[in-house]
Amino acid sequence: MADKRRFYYEARSFSIYYFANAVFNIVTDAGTYLRGIEDILGDMQALTLMRPFHRYTNLHHFLDGILRELLEEEVERLDEEPPRFLTKFMQTYSVPFSQTDIVDEETFYDFAAQSERYQASIDELIDEVFHVLFNDVRFLESFNGLCATYIDLSGFGDELKNGSRHLKRVSIPAWAKRAIFHRDKGECRECKRSLAATVNQVENERYDHMIPLAKFGANDVTNLQLLCEPCNLKKAARRQPVSPLYPKAILEDARAGIFVRPRQDRCSWTVIEDASRISTSAVGLCVTTRGNAPPS
């Protein structure tokens, strides 16, 4: 298990949805929080948004600024009351500290700067919140629209831009494609066609910039969505709202049409309208929902 831990993040259950909700509100109502956003994305910080496909994504960078502020907002009031929320965070993430480390603002920030475990804990919290928000594609569209504003206004990064002042198109790395294919469950986000079932999968899947480069979009994995070739050609370089539809984990009607086929037969599909007729021990069958079945 030790070798596999790097493929997972640990859910500590420390107010993750509180942080995710706060970040969602900041992004979707940016005007109210403009000063704080400027500190994270404005001026020279915009250069961070222009980096092509870093694993520490633009959203990680944004979360770092917001989450630190939320965690440490009690520090300004240390002379008035103990920092219960911050203390709970350090206990949950196993950060060694003593009460003398949190007696006043200056002492705390000296402690925080020297504590490797404190910094690592914030990175772990960022990763948890990232994985909640990464699945919300409509939020990511809003976030990347915000980033595009700062890329557009920035006077820096000429070497990363083309003659039209947009970011240059670069090859999308394999790790980013895997992340998007997994998140979007192998479906075209627009028409919901399954790309996992197509014969020429690589020729049909397209990784689209939700905010186009021509609209100052970023070369960042959070700005990508999976489309089929026809939907990608139709969208072209236009800014088009992402689909608000997400696949259900539990279908409302157990009798909904389900497609099955023998695993050895890659061409023939059979429709079974009543799901109750499918035995759970039918290991020789491949099953998919009606919407995901490949065209006959």
C-alpha atoms as a PDB file:
ATOM      1  CA  MET A   1       0.000   0.000   0.000  1.00  0.00           C
ATOM      2  CA  ALA A   2       2.891   2.345   0.779  1.00  0.00           C
ATOM      3  CA  ASP A   3       3.948   2.474  -2.863  1.00  0.00           C
ATOM      4  CA  LYS A   4       0.395   3.264  -3.980  1.00  0.00           C
ATOM      5  CA  ARG A   5      -0.307   6.151  -1.582  1.00  0.00           C
ATOM      6  CA  ARG A   6       1.114   8.685  -4.034  1.00  0.00           C
ATOM      7  CA  PHE A   7      -1.865   7.940  -6.311  1.00  0.00           C
ATOM      8  CA  TYR A   8      -4.345   8.963  -3.605  1.00  0.00           C
ATOM      9  CA  TYR A   9      -5.164  11.927  -1.427  1.00  0.00           C
ATOM     10  CA  GLU A  10      -6.288  11.434   2.155  1.00  0.00           C
ATOM     11  CA  ALA A  11      -9.702  12.783   3.131  1.00  0.00           C
ATOM     12  CA  ARG A  12      -9.329  14.297   6.600  1.00  0.00           C
ATOM     13  CA  SER A  13     -12.925  15.554   6.729  1.00  0.00           C
ATOM     14  CA  PHE A  14     -11.862  18.943   8.044  1.00  0.00           C
ATOM     15  CA  SER A  15     -14.535  21.397   6.854  1.00  0.00           C
ATOM     16  CA  ILE A  16     -13.722  20.575   3.202  1.00  0.00           C
ATOM     17  CA  TYR A  17     -17.107  21.672   1.912  1.00  0.00           C
ATOM     18  CA  TYR A  18     -16.926  24.880   3.935  1.00  0.00           C
ATOM     19  CA  PHE A  19     -13.744  25.780   2.079  1.00  0.00           C
ATOM     20  CA  ALA A  20     -15.124  24.609  -1.278  1.00  0.00           C
ATOM     21  CA  ASN A  21     -18.283  26.672  -0.777  1.00  0.00           C
ATOM     22  CA  ALA A  22     -16.258  29.759   0.196  1.00  0.00           C
ATOM     23  CA  VAL A  23     -14.093  29.458  -2.927  1.00  0.00           C
ATOM     24  CA  PHE A  24     -17.183  28.887  -5.094  1.00  0.00           C
ATOM     25  CA  ASN A  25     -18.783  32.078  -3.749  1.00  0.00           C
ATOM     26  CA  ILE A  26     -15.606  34.102  -4.230  1.00  0.00           C
ATOM     27  CA  VAL A  27     -15.285  33.013  -7.861  1.00  0.00           C
ATOM     28  CA  THR A  28     -18.937  33.386  -8.810  1.00  0.00           C
ATOM     29  CA  ASP A  29     -19.277  36.777  -7.078  1.00  0.00           C
ATOM     30  CA  ALA A  30     -15.794  38.069  -7.836  1.00  0.00           C
ATOM     31  CA  GLY A  31     -16.736  41.749  -7.659  1.00  0.00           C
ATOM     32  CA  THR A  32     -17.397  41.493  -3.926  1.00  0.00           C
ATOM     33  CA  TYR A  33     -13.953  40.006  -3.256  1.00  0.00           C
ATOM     34  CA  LEU A  34     -12.013  41.921  -5.887  1.00  0.00           C
ATOM     35  CA  ARG A  35      -9.255  43.165  -3.598  1.00  0.00           C
ATOM     36  CA  GLY A  36      -8.381  39.691  -2.328  1.00  0.00           C
ATOM     37  CA  ILE A  37      -8.496  38.218  -5.846  1.00  0.00           C
ATOM     38  CA  GLU A  38      -6.188  40.961  -7.118  1.00  0.00           C
ATOM     39  CA  ASP A  39      -3.590  39.929  -4.557  1.00  0.00           C
ATOM     40  CA  ILE A  40      -3.669  36.328  -5.842  1.00  0.00           C
ATOM     41  CA  LEU A  41      -4.102  36.761  -9.600  1.00  0.00           C
ATOM     42  CA  GLY A  42      -3.177  40.360 -10.394  1.00  0.00           C
ATOM     43  CA  ASP A  43       0.031  41.989 -11.623  1.00  0.00           C
ATOM     44  CA  MET A  44       3.032  39.610 -11.743  1.00  0.00           C
ATOM     45  CA  GLN A  45       0.878  36.807 -10.292  1.00  0.00           C
ATOM     46  CA  ALA A  46      -0.798  36.557 -13.695  1.00  0.00           C
ATOM     47  CA  LEU A  47       2.388  34.927 -14.982  1.00  0.00           C
ATOM     48  CA  THR A  48       1.482  31.883 -12.901  1.00  0.00           C
ATOM     49  CA  LEU A  49      -1.786  31.583 -14.849  1.00  0.00           C
ATOM     50  CA  MET A  50       0.120  31.515 -18.138  1.00  0.00           C
ATOM     51  CA  ARG A  51       2.313  28.500 -17.361  1.00  0.00           C
ATOM     52  CA  PRO A  52       1.429  25.690 -19.780  1.00  0.00           C
ATOM     53  CA  PHE A  53      -0.006  22.624 -18.048  1.00  0.00           C
ATOM     54  CA  HIS A  54       1.610  22.528 -14.638  1.00  0.00           C
ATOM     55  CA  ARG A  55       0.457  19.772 -12.302  1.00  0.00           C
ATOM     56  CA  TYR A  56       0.207  22.457  -9.608  1.00  0.00           C
ATOM     57  CA  THR A  57      -2.682  23.985 -11.499  1.00  0.00           C
ATOM     58  CA  ASN A  58      -4.053  27.512 -11.570  1.00  0.00           C
ATOM     59  CA  LEU A  59      -6.771  26.334  -9.189  1.00  0.00           C
ATOM     60  CA  HIS A  60      -4.155  24.998  -6.740  1.00  0.00           C
ATOM     61  CA  HIS A  61      -2.481  28.419  -6.871  1.00  0.00           C
ATOM     62  CA  PHE A  62      -5.802  30.194  -6.221  1.00  0.00           C
ATOM     63  CA  LEU A  63      -6.743  27.826  -3.396  1.00  0.00           C
ATOM     64  CA  ASP A  64      -3.401  28.449  -1.702  1.00  0.00           C
ATOM     65  CA  GLY A  65      -4.191  32.138  -1.360  1.00  0.00           C
ATOM     66  CA  ILE A  66      -7.828  31.732  -0.301  1.00  0.00           C
ATOM     67  CA  LEU A  67      -7.398  28.817   2.115  1.00  0.00           C
ATOM     68  CA  ARG A  68      -4.486  30.410   3.946  1.00  0.00           C
ATOM     69  CA  GLU A  69      -6.553  33.541   4.491  1.00  0.00           C
ATOM     70  CA  LEU A  70      -9.533  31.542   5.786  1.00  0.00           C
ATOM     71  CA  LEU A  71      -7.377  29.390   8.056  1.00  0.00           C
ATOM     72  CA  GLU A  72      -5.398  32.254   9.508  1.00  0.00           C
ATOM     73  CA  GLU A  73      -8.091  34.918   9.886  1.00  0.00           C
ATOM     74  CA  GLU A  74      -8.216  34.184  13.640  1.00  0.00           C
ATOM     75  CA  VAL A  75      -4.542  35.120  13.992  1.00  0.00           C
ATOM     76  CA  GLU A  76      -5.363  38.836  13.945  1.00  0.00           C
ATOM     77  CA  ARG A  77      -7.504  38.319  17.071  1.00  0.00           C
ATOM     78  CA  LEU A  78      -5.121  36.180  19.133  1.00  0.00           C
ATOM     79  CA  ASP A  79      -5.071  38.790  21.893  1.00  0.00           C
ATOM     80  CA  GLU A  80      -8.877  38.562  22.142  1.00  0.00           C
ATOM     81  CA  GLU A  81      -9.679  34.853  21.899  1.00  0.00           C
ATOM     82  CA  PRO A  82      -7.943  31.500  21.226  1.00  0.00           C
ATOM     83  CA  PRO A  83      -7.829  30.351  17.564  1.00  0.00           C
ATOM     84  CA  ARG A  84     -10.164  27.370  17.836  1.00  0.00           C
ATOM     85  CA  PHE A  85     -10.535  26.758  14.081  1.00  0.00           C
ATOM     86  CA  LEU A  86      -6.795  27.015  13.387  1.00  0.00           C
ATOM     87  CA  THR A  87      -6.011  24.823  16.393  1.00  0.00           C
ATOM     88  CA  LYS A  88      -8.456  22.171  15.171  1.00  0.00           C
ATOM     89  CA  PHE A  89      -6.812  22.257  11.741  1.00  0.00           C
ATOM     90  CA  MET A  90      -3.341  21.676  13.184  1.00  0.00           C
ATOM     91  CA  GLN A  91      -4.601  18.852  15.395  1.00  0.00           C
ATOM     92  CA  THR A  92      -6.432  17.177  12.509  1.00  0.00           C
ATOM     93  CA  TYR A  93      -3.373  17.339  10.238  1.00  0.00           C
ATOM     94  CA  SER A  94      -0.924  16.308  12.977  1.00  0.00           C
ATOM     95  CA  VAL A  95       1.008  19.578  13.078  1.00  0.00           C
ATOM     96  CA  PRO A  96       3.222  19.664  16.201  1.00  0.00           C
ATOM     97  CA  PHE A  97       2.731  22.949  18.085  1.00  0.00           C
ATOM     98  CA  SER A  98       2.534  24.367  21.579  1.00  0.00           C
ATOM     99  CA  GLN A  99       0.410  27.112  23.051  1.00  0.00           C
ATOM    100  CA  THR A 100       3.429  29.400  23.014  1.00  0.00           C
ATOM    101  CA  ASP A 101       3.377  29.210  19.191  1.00  0.00           C
ATOM    102  CA  ILE A 102      -0.006  30.916  19.044  1.00  0.00           C
ATOM    103  CA  VAL A 103       0.209  33.596  21.710  1.00  0.00           C
ATOM    104  CA  ASP A 104       0.359  36.498  19.239  1.00  0.00           C
ATOM    105  CA  GLU A 105       0.435  37.207  15.509  1.00  0.00           C
ATOM    106  CA  GLU A 106       4.202  37.634  15.149  1.00  0.00           C
ATOM    107  CA  THR A 107       4.964  34.444  17.074  1.00  0.00           C
ATOM    108  CA  PHE A 108       2.500  32.419  15.021  1.00  0.00           C
ATOM    109  CA  TYR A 109       3.851  33.538  11.647  1.00  0.00           C
ATOM    110  CA  ASP A 110       7.414  32.787  12.807  1.00  0.00           C
ATOM    111  CA  PHE A 111       6.225  29.316  13.787  1.00  0.00           C
ATOM    112  CA  ALA A 112       4.345  28.827  10.498  1.00  0.00           C
ATOM    113  CA  ALA A 113       7.355  29.870   8.415  1.00  0.00           C
ATOM    114  CA  GLN A 114       9.621  27.394  10.195  1.00  0.00           C
ATOM    115  CA  SER A 115       7.191  24.454  10.441  1.00  0.00           C
ATOM    116  CA  GLU A 116       7.537  22.161   7.427  1.00  0.00           C
ATOM    117  CA  ARG A 117       4.592  20.109   8.668  1.00  0.00           C
ATOM    118  CA  TYR A 118       2.336  23.181   8.780  1.00  0.00           C
ATOM    119  CA  GLN A 119       3.180  24.055   5.167  1.00  0.00           C
ATOM    120  CA  ALA A 120       2.715  20.431   4.062  1.00  0.00           C
ATOM    121  CA  SER A 121      -0.663  20.327   5.819  1.00  0.00           C
ATOM    122  CA  ILE A 122      -1.890  23.329   3.866  1.00  0.00           C
ATOM    123  CA  ASP A 123      -0.809  21.592   0.643  1.00  0.00           C
ATOM    124  CA  GLU A 124      -2.790  18.512   1.694  1.00  0.00           C
ATOM    125  CA  LEU A 125      -5.862  20.644   2.451  1.00  0.00           C
ATOM    126  CA  ILE A 126      -5.512  22.361  -0.928  1.00  0.00           C
ATOM    127  CA  ASP A 127      -5.438  18.986  -2.669  1.00  0.00           C
ATOM    128  CA  GLU A 128      -8.593  17.837  -0.879  1.00  0.00           C
ATOM    129  CA  VAL A 129     -10.541  20.964  -1.836  1.00  0.00           C
ATOM    130  CA  PHE A 130      -9.145  20.798  -5.378  1.00  0.00           C
ATOM    131  CA  HIS A 131     -10.587  17.319  -5.914  1.00  0.00           C
ATOM    132  CA  VAL A 132     -14.032  18.476  -4.761  1.00  0.00           C
ATOM    133  CA  LEU A 133     -14.046  21.478  -7.098  1.00  0.00           C
ATOM    134  CA  PHE A 134     -12.358  19.720 -10.046  1.00  0.00           C
ATOM    135  CA  ASN A 135     -15.508  17.645 -10.560  1.00  0.00           C
ATOM    136  CA  ASP A 136     -17.688  20.768 -10.814  1.00  0.00           C
ATOM    137  CA  VAL A 137     -17.094  21.697 -14.452  1.00  0.00           C
ATOM    138  CA  ARG A 138     -19.414  24.702 -14.369  1.00  0.00           C
ATOM    139  CA  PHE A 139     -17.432  26.117 -11.462  1.00  0.00           C
ATOM    140  CA  LEU A 140     -14.218  25.504 -13.418  1.00  0.00           C
ATOM    141  CA  GLU A 141     -15.701  27.411 -16.359  1.00  0.00           C
ATOM    142  CA  SER A 142     -16.363  30.398 -14.074  1.00  0.00           C
ATOM    143  CA  PHE A 143     -12.924  30.137 -12.509  1.00  0.00           C
ATOM    144  CA  ASN A 144     -11.190  30.040 -15.887  1.00  0.00           C
ATOM    145  CA  GLY A 145     -13.266  32.971 -17.077  1.00  0.00           C
ATOM    146  CA  LEU A 146     -11.888  34.886 -14.088  1.00  0.00           C
ATOM    147  CA  CYS A 147      -8.339  33.797 -14.934  1.00  0.00           C
ATOM    148  CA  ALA A 148      -8.845  34.890 -18.556  1.00  0.00           C
ATOM    149  CA  THR A 149      -9.601  38.421 -17.376  1.00  0.00           C
ATOM    150  CA  TYR A 150      -6.224  38.656 -15.655  1.00  0.00           C
ATOM    151  CA  ILE A 151      -4.373  37.048 -18.563  1.00  0.00           C
ATOM    152  CA  ASP A 152      -5.978  39.600 -20.899  1.00  0.00           C
ATOM    153  CA  LEU A 153      -5.048  42.568 -18.692  1.00  0.00           C
ATOM    154  CA  SER A 154      -1.522  41.428 -17.926  1.00  0.00           C
ATOM    155  CA  GLY A 155       1.387  43.177 -19.588  1.00  0.00           C
ATOM    156  CA  PHE A 156       3.738  40.319 -18.724  1.00  0.00           C
ATOM    157  CA  GLY A 157       4.533  36.953 -20.339  1.00  0.00           C
ATOM    158  CA  ASP A 158       5.252  38.063 -23.906  1.00  0.00           C
ATOM    159  CA  GLU A 159       7.273  34.894 -24.525  1.00  0.00           C
ATOM    160  CA  LEU A 160       4.169  32.798 -23.767  1.00  0.00           C
ATOM    161  CA  LYS A 161       1.860  34.757 -26.105  1.00  0.00           C
ATOM    162  CA  ASN A 162       1.369  34.919 -29.848  1.00  0.00           C
ATOM    163  CA  GLY A 163       1.017  37.992 -32.044  1.00  0.00           C
ATOM    164  CA  SER A 164      -2.619  38.411 -30.998  1.00  0.00           C
ATOM    165  CA  ARG A 165      -1.600  38.547 -27.319  1.00  0.00           C
ATOM    166  CA  HIS A 166      -3.303  35.207 -26.628  1.00  0.00           C
ATOM    167  CA  LEU A 167      -1.438  32.310 -25.065  1.00  0.00           C
ATOM    168  CA  LYS A 168       0.284  30.061 -27.576  1.00  0.00           C
ATOM    169  CA  ARG A 169      -1.284  26.666 -28.225  1.00  0.00           C
ATOM    170  CA  VAL A 170       0.793  23.829 -26.779  1.00  0.00           C
ATOM    171  CA  SER A 171       0.491  20.045 -26.803  1.00  0.00           C
ATOM    172  CA  ILE A 172      -1.722  18.700 -24.033  1.00  0.00           C
ATOM    173  CA  PRO A 173       0.283  16.226 -21.915  1.00  0.00           C
ATOM    174  CA  ALA A 174      -0.902  12.650 -21.436  1.00  0.00           C
ATOM    175  CA  TRP A 175      -1.461  13.106 -17.683  1.00  0.00           C
ATOM    176  CA  ALA A 176      -3.888  15.984 -18.348  1.00  0.00           C
ATOM    177  CA  LYS A 177      -5.808  13.942 -20.938  1.00  0.00           C
ATOM    178  CA  ARG A 178      -6.120  11.043 -18.487  1.00  0.00           C
ATOM    179  CA  ALA A 179      -7.410  13.358 -15.769  1.00  0.00           C
ATOM    180  CA  ILE A 180     -10.102  14.835 -18.046  1.00  0.00           C
ATOM    181  CA  PHE A 181     -11.144  11.493 -19.550  1.00  0.00           C
ATOM    182  CA  HIS A 182     -11.528  10.071 -16.053  1.00  0.00           C
ATOM    183  CA  ARG A 183     -13.408  13.116 -14.703  1.00  0.00           C
ATOM    184  CA  ASP A 184     -15.802  13.265 -17.653  1.00  0.00           C
ATOM    185  CA  LYS A 185     -16.271   9.479 -17.508  1.00  0.00           C
ATOM    186  CA  GLY A 186     -15.314   8.990 -21.138  1.00  0.00           C
ATOM    187  CA  GLU A 187     -18.335  10.963 -22.388  1.00  0.00           C
ATOM    188  CA  CYS A 188     -18.550  13.976 -24.652  1.00  0.00           C
ATOM    189  CA  ARG A 189     -19.726  16.657 -22.242  1.00  0.00           C
ATOM    190  CA  GLU A 190     -21.918  18.251 -24.898  1.00  0.00           C
ATOM    191  CA  CYS A 191     -23.818  15.404 -26.594  1.00  0.00           C
ATOM    192  CA  LYS A 192     -23.133  12.689 -23.952  1.00  0.00           C
ATOM    193  CA  ARG A 193     -21.833  10.241 -26.522  1.00  0.00           C
ATOM    194  CA  SER A 194     -19.550   7.622 -24.978  1.00  0.00           C
ATOM    195  CA  LEU A 195     -16.053   7.891 -26.371  1.00  0.00           C
ATOM    196  CA  ALA A 196     -14.884   4.903 -24.349  1.00  0.00           C
ATOM    197  CA  ALA A 197     -16.942   2.635 -26.626  1.00  0.00           C
ATOM    198  CA  THR A 198     -15.682   3.990 -29.956  1.00  0.00           C
ATOM    199  CA  VAL A 199     -13.383   1.874 -32.066  1.00  0.00           C
ATOM    200  CA  ASN A 200     -11.005   4.720 -32.944  1.00  0.00           C
ATOM    201  CA  GLN A 201     -11.061   6.341 -29.506  1.00  0.00           C
ATOM    202  CA  VAL A 202      -7.989   8.528 -30.002  1.00  0.00           C
ATOM    203  CA  GLU A 203      -9.301   9.856 -33.308  1.00  0.00           C
ATOM    204  CA  ASN A 204     -12.679  10.782 -31.825  1.00  0.00           C
ATOM    205  CA  GLU A 205     -11.807  12.303 -28.447  1.00  0.00           C
ATOM    206  CA  ARG A 206     -10.968  15.991 -28.350  1.00  0.00           C
ATOM    207  CA  TYR A 207      -9.673  17.950 -25.373  1.00  0.00           C
ATOM    208  CA  ASP A 208     -11.279  21.360 -25.626  1.00  0.00           C
ATOM    209  CA  HIS A 209     -10.390  24.611 -23.857  1.00  0.00           C
ATOM    210  CA  MET A 210     -13.631  25.664 -22.153  1.00  0.00           C
ATOM    211  CA  ILE A 211     -12.435  29.264 -22.300  1.00  0.00           C
ATOM    212  CA  PRO A 212     -10.784  29.301 -25.749  1.00  0.00           C
ATOM    213  CA  LEU A 213      -7.226  30.490 -26.121  1.00  0.00           C
ATOM    214  CA  ALA A 214      -8.633  33.089 -28.492  1.00  0.00           C
ATOM    215  CA  LYS A 215     -10.633  34.437 -25.524  1.00  0.00           C
ATOM    216  CA  PHE A 216      -7.536  34.532 -23.277  1.00  0.00           C
ATOM    217  CA  GLY A 217      -8.129  31.060 -21.846  1.00  0.00           C
ATOM    218  CA  ALA A 218      -5.300  29.255 -20.046  1.00  0.00           C
ATOM    219  CA  ASN A 219      -3.352  26.142 -20.958  1.00  0.00           C
ATOM    220  CA  ASP A 220      -4.405  24.496 -17.710  1.00  0.00           C
ATOM    221  CA  VAL A 221      -6.014  21.125 -17.005  1.00  0.00           C
ATOM    222  CA  THR A 222      -8.845  22.895 -15.153  1.00  0.00           C
ATOM    223  CA  ASN A 223      -9.737  24.648 -18.424  1.00  0.00           C
ATOM    224  CA  LEU A 224     -10.264  21.423 -20.392  1.00  0.00           C
ATOM    225  CA  GLN A 225     -13.339  19.348 -21.167  1.00  0.00           C
ATOM    226  CA  LEU A 226     -13.828  16.176 -23.183  1.00  0.00           C
ATOM    227  CA  LEU A 227     -15.726  16.555 -26.463  1.00  0.00           C
ATOM    228  CA  CYS A 228     -16.323  14.289 -29.421  1.00  0.00           C
ATOM    229  CA  GLU A 229     -14.954  15.420 -32.773  1.00  0.00           C
ATOM    230  CA  PRO A 230     -18.283  16.738 -34.195  1.00  0.00           C
ATOM    231  CA  CYS A 231     -19.054  18.789 -31.039  1.00  0.00           C
ATOM    232  CA  ASN A 232     -15.519  20.140 -30.960  1.00  0.00           C
ATOM    233  CA  LEU A 233     -15.725  21.243 -34.607  1.00  0.00           C
ATOM    234  CA  LYS A 234     -19.083  22.883 -33.944  1.00  0.00           C
ATOM    235  CA  LYS A 235     -17.761  24.814 -30.933  1.00  0.00           C
ATOM    236  CA  ALA A 236     -14.515  25.849 -32.689  1.00  0.00           C
ATOM    237  CA  ALA A 237     -12.932  28.905 -31.018  1.00  0.00           C
ATOM    238  CA  ARG A 238     -16.214  30.242 -29.616  1.00  0.00           C
ATOM    239  CA  ARG A 239     -16.933  30.556 -25.920  1.00  0.00           C
ATOM    240  CA  GLN A 240     -19.846  28.231 -25.304  1.00  0.00           C
ATOM    241  CA  PRO A 241     -21.402  27.389 -21.910  1.00  0.00           C
ATOM    242  CA  VAL A 242     -20.499  23.913 -20.707  1.00  0.00           C
ATOM    243  CA  SER A 243     -23.263  21.368 -20.313  1.00  0.00           C
ATOM    244  CA  PRO A 244     -24.984  21.538 -16.905  1.00  0.00           C
ATOM    245  CA  LEU A 245     -25.823  17.815 -17.101  1.00  0.00           C
ATOM    246  CA  TYR A 246     -23.935  15.286 -14.978  1.00  0.00           C
ATOM    247  CA  PRO A 247     -24.475  11.506 -15.018  1.00  0.00           C
ATOM    248  CA  LYS A 248     -26.621  10.129 -12.200  1.00  0.00           C
ATOM    249  CA  ALA A 249     -25.138   7.547  -9.868  1.00  0.00           C
ATOM    250  CA  ILE A 250     -28.565   5.939  -9.307  1.00  0.00           C
ATOM    251  CA  LEU A 251     -31.152   5.769 -12.067  1.00  0.00           C
ATOM    252  CA  GLU A 252     -34.711   6.744 -11.131  1.00  0.00           C
ATOM    253  CA  ASP A 253     -36.279   3.890 -13.116  1.00  0.00           C
ATOM    254  CA  ALA A 254     -34.829   0.420 -12.601  1.00  0.00           C
ATOM    255  CA  ARG A 255     -36.523  -0.669 -15.837  1.00  0.00           C
ATOM    256  CA  ALA A 256     -34.679   1.896 -17.949  1.00  0.00           C
ATOM    257  CA  GLY A 257     -33.283   0.458 -21.164  1.00  0.00           C
ATOM    258  CA  ILE A 258     -29.895  -1.190 -20.801  1.00  0.00           C
ATOM    259  CA  PHE A 259     -27.667  -2.415 -23.591  1.00  0.00           C
ATOM    260  CA  VAL A 260     -25.765  -5.679 -23.238  1.00  0.00           C
ATOM    261  CA  ARG A 261     -23.537  -7.731 -25.530  1.00  0.00           C
ATOM    262  CA  PRO A 262     -21.251 -10.742 -25.198  1.00  0.00           C
ATOM    263  CA  ARG A 263     -17.742  -9.493 -24.463  1.00  0.00           C
ATOM    264  CA  GLN A 264     -16.236 -11.293 -27.432  1.00  0.00           C
ATOM    265  CA  ASP A 265     -18.668  -9.649 -29.851  1.00  0.00           C
ATOM    266  CA  ARG A 266     -17.736  -5.995 -30.410  1.00  0.00           C
ATOM    267  CA  CYS A 267     -20.474  -5.283 -32.937  1.00  0.00           C
ATOM    268  CA  SER A 268     -23.749  -6.756 -31.707  1.00  0.00           C
ATOM    269  CA  TRP A 269     -25.773  -5.105 -28.952  1.00  0.00           C
ATOM    270  CA  THR A 270     -29.092  -6.222 -27.443  1.00  0.00           C
ATOM    271  CA  VAL A 271     -31.574  -3.949 -25.703  1.00  0.00           C
ATOM    272  CA  ILE A 272     -33.046  -5.218 -22.444  1.00  0.00           C
ATOM    273  CA  GLU A 273     -35.780  -2.872 -21.290  1.00  0.00           C
ATOM    274  CA  ASP A 274     -36.166  -4.432 -17.828  1.00  0.00           C
ATOM    275  CA  ALA A 275     -32.928  -4.295 -15.817  1.00  0.00           C
ATOM    276  CA  SER A 276     -34.289  -6.916 -13.406  1.00  0.00           C
ATOM    277  CA  ARG A 277     -33.850  -9.536 -16.149  1.00  0.00           C
ATOM    278  CA  ILE A 278     -30.054  -9.192 -16.008  1.00  0.00           C
ATOM    279  CA  SER A 279     -28.414 -11.613 -13.616  1.00  0.00           C
ATOM    280  CA  THR A 280     -25.670 -10.144 -11.446  1.00  0.00           C
ATOM    281  CA  SER A 281     -23.668 -13.275 -12.199  1.00  0.00           C
ATOM    282  CA  ALA A 282     -23.766 -12.668 -15.970  1.00  0.00           C
ATOM    283  CA  VAL A 283     -20.035 -12.081 -16.176  1.00  0.00           C
ATOM    284  CA  GLY A 284     -20.004 -12.857 -19.879  1.00  0.00           C
ATOM    285  CA  LEU A 285     -21.922  -9.701 -20.717  1.00  0.00           C
ATOM    286  CA  CYS A 286     -20.829  -6.122 -21.252  1.00  0.00           C
ATOM    287  CA  VAL A 287     -23.426  -3.642 -20.058  1.00  0.00           C
ATOM    288  CA  THR A 288     -23.896   0.057 -20.640  1.00  0.00           C
ATOM    289  CA  THR A 289     -26.797   2.495 -20.287  1.00  0.00           C
ATOM    290  CA  ARG A 290     -28.930   3.365 -23.294  1.00  0.00           C
ATOM    291  CA  GLY A 291     -27.312   6.770 -23.724  1.00  0.00           C
ATOM    292  CA  ASN A 292     -23.810   5.318 -23.735  1.00  0.00           C
ATOM    293  CA  ALA A 293     -24.295   2.506 -26.216  1.00  0.00           C
ATOM    294  CA  PRO A 294     -22.328   2.922 -29.444  1.00  0.00           C
ATOM    295  CA  PRO A 295     -24.272   3.422 -32.651  1.00  0.00           C
ATOM    296  CA  SER A 296     -25.370   0.202 -34.310  1.00  0.00           C
END
